[in-house]
Structures are given as structure tokens and as C-alpha cells.
Amino acid sequence: MISKENFGKFIGQRRKYKGVSQQELAAKVCVDYKTLSKWENGSCFPDIESMECLSKALDFDITDVINERLDMISVSYTHLTLPTI
């Protein structure tokens, strides 16, 4: 399962890729921008309803993100550090 920190990085990167501000995305997801900021900072996860709204607004599959299959989503994640095997 994805960590709060990696989820936050993903949401922030995806939002920027889509050219949307925190305030704009927060309005689409029906939350305060401070809540969205907490998600992006890795302080907490969104609830299920908010996660579904995020996936629609940012065009990603929830299952792929939760399982950290970020390579399945067309955004560059060169800033993330992945463990070496």
C-alpha cells in the first residue's frame, strides 16, 4: 500500500501536471484547500469519497495508486526515490 507521503507527492505532481491550483482542485473535490494541502504534504489520506473525486479530477485509477503502480500513470516521477531490489 502507498504511504501517505508518496500519495501526497503523487497528488501534488498530478495536480501540477494538469495545471490546476490547490484552490481549484479543492473546489472540484469539495474540500477546503487546507485539507488538500494536508493530503499533498503527506499528513493524512483523503476519505473514500474524496479519493474518488480526486481520481476523476486528476484522471487516475485508485487501485493503481493504492498499490503504488505509479508507472501505469502517465506522469514523470523522477523526484520519487524508489527502493533498490
Protein backbone atom coordinates (compact mmCIF):
# COMPACT_ATOMS: atom_id res chain seq x y z
CA MET A 1 0.00 0.00 0.00
CA ILE A 2 1.18 3.50 -0.79
CA SER A 3 2.45 5.66 2.06
CA LYS A 4 0.83 8.99 2.93
CA GLU A 5 4.00 10.75 1.83
CA ASN A 6 4.15 9.10 -1.60
CA PHE A 7 0.44 9.61 -2.10
CA GLY A 8 0.87 13.30 -1.29
CA LYS A 9 3.75 13.63 -3.74
CA PHE A 10 1.69 11.87 -6.39
CA ILE A 11 -1.33 14.14 -5.91
CA GLY A 12 0.81 17.29 -5.96
CA GLN A 13 2.68 16.20 -9.09
CA ARG A 14 -0.50 15.14 -10.84
CA ARG A 15 -2.23 18.42 -9.95
CA LYS A 16 0.66 20.45 -11.34
CA TYR A 17 0.78 18.27 -14.47
CA LYS A 18 -2.91 19.05 -15.04
CA GLY A 19 -2.25 22.77 -14.50
CA VAL A 20 -4.64 23.11 -11.58
CA SER A 21 -4.08 25.15 -8.41
CA GLN A 22 -4.74 23.73 -4.95
CA GLN A 23 -7.76 26.02 -4.63
CA GLU A 24 -9.20 24.85 -7.96
CA LEU A 25 -8.71 21.18 -7.17
CA ALA A 26 -10.08 21.59 -3.66
CA ALA A 27 -13.25 23.15 -5.11
CA LYS A 28 -13.64 20.24 -7.56
CA VAL A 29 -13.25 17.73 -4.75
CA CYS A 30 -15.50 19.75 -2.39
CA VAL A 31 -12.90 20.23 0.36
CA ASP A 32 -11.05 23.21 1.79
CA TYR A 33 -7.68 23.93 0.16
CA LYS A 34 -6.06 23.40 3.58
CA THR A 35 -7.33 19.82 3.54
CA LEU A 36 -5.88 19.30 0.07
CA SER A 37 -2.60 20.77 1.31
CA LYS A 38 -2.54 18.22 4.16
CA TRP A 39 -3.01 15.41 1.64
CA GLU A 40 -0.18 16.75 -0.54
CA ASN A 41 2.09 17.16 2.50
CA GLY A 42 1.51 13.54 3.46
CA SER A 43 -0.19 14.39 6.76
CA CYS A 44 -3.24 12.25 6.04
CA PHE A 45 -5.20 10.35 3.41
CA PRO A 46 -8.49 11.52 1.92
CA ASP A 47 -11.65 9.60 2.73
CA ILE A 48 -13.09 7.24 0.12
CA GLU A 49 -15.50 9.79 -1.37
CA SER A 50 -12.74 12.39 -1.70
CA MET A 51 -10.39 9.79 -3.18
CA GLU A 52 -12.97 9.00 -5.85
CA CYS A 53 -13.40 12.72 -6.64
CA LEU A 54 -9.60 13.13 -6.82
CA SER A 55 -9.28 10.21 -9.21
CA LYS A 56 -11.87 11.73 -11.53
CA ALA A 57 -10.45 15.26 -11.33
CA LEU A 58 -6.85 14.13 -11.86
CA ASP A 59 -7.59 11.19 -14.15
CA PHE A 60 -6.01 8.25 -12.33
CA ASP A 61 -7.05 4.78 -11.24
CA ILE A 62 -7.38 4.49 -7.46
CA THR A 63 -6.25 0.85 -7.43
CA ASP A 64 -3.04 1.67 -9.30
CA VAL A 65 -2.17 4.45 -6.86
CA ILE A 66 -3.00 2.49 -3.72
CA ASN A 67 -0.85 -0.39 -4.96
CA GLU A 68 1.90 2.05 -5.98
CA ARG A 69 1.74 1.10 -9.63
CA LEU A 70 2.64 4.68 -10.45
CA ASP A 71 4.39 3.58 -13.64
CA MET A 72 0.90 2.82 -15.00
CA ILE A 73 0.06 6.54 -14.86
CA SER A 74 1.49 8.92 -17.46
CA VAL A 75 3.38 11.41 -15.29
CA SER A 76 7.09 11.61 -14.60
CA TYR A 77 8.05 10.60 -11.07
CA THR A 78 11.78 11.20 -11.27
CA HIS A 79 11.65 13.06 -7.93
CA LEU A 80 10.49 9.94 -6.04
CA THR A 81 13.08 7.65 -4.53
CA LEU A 82 12.25 4.02 -5.07
CA PRO A 83 13.92 1.23 -3.11
CA THR A 84 16.51 -0.80 -4.95
CA ILE A 85 16.00 -4.53 -5.11
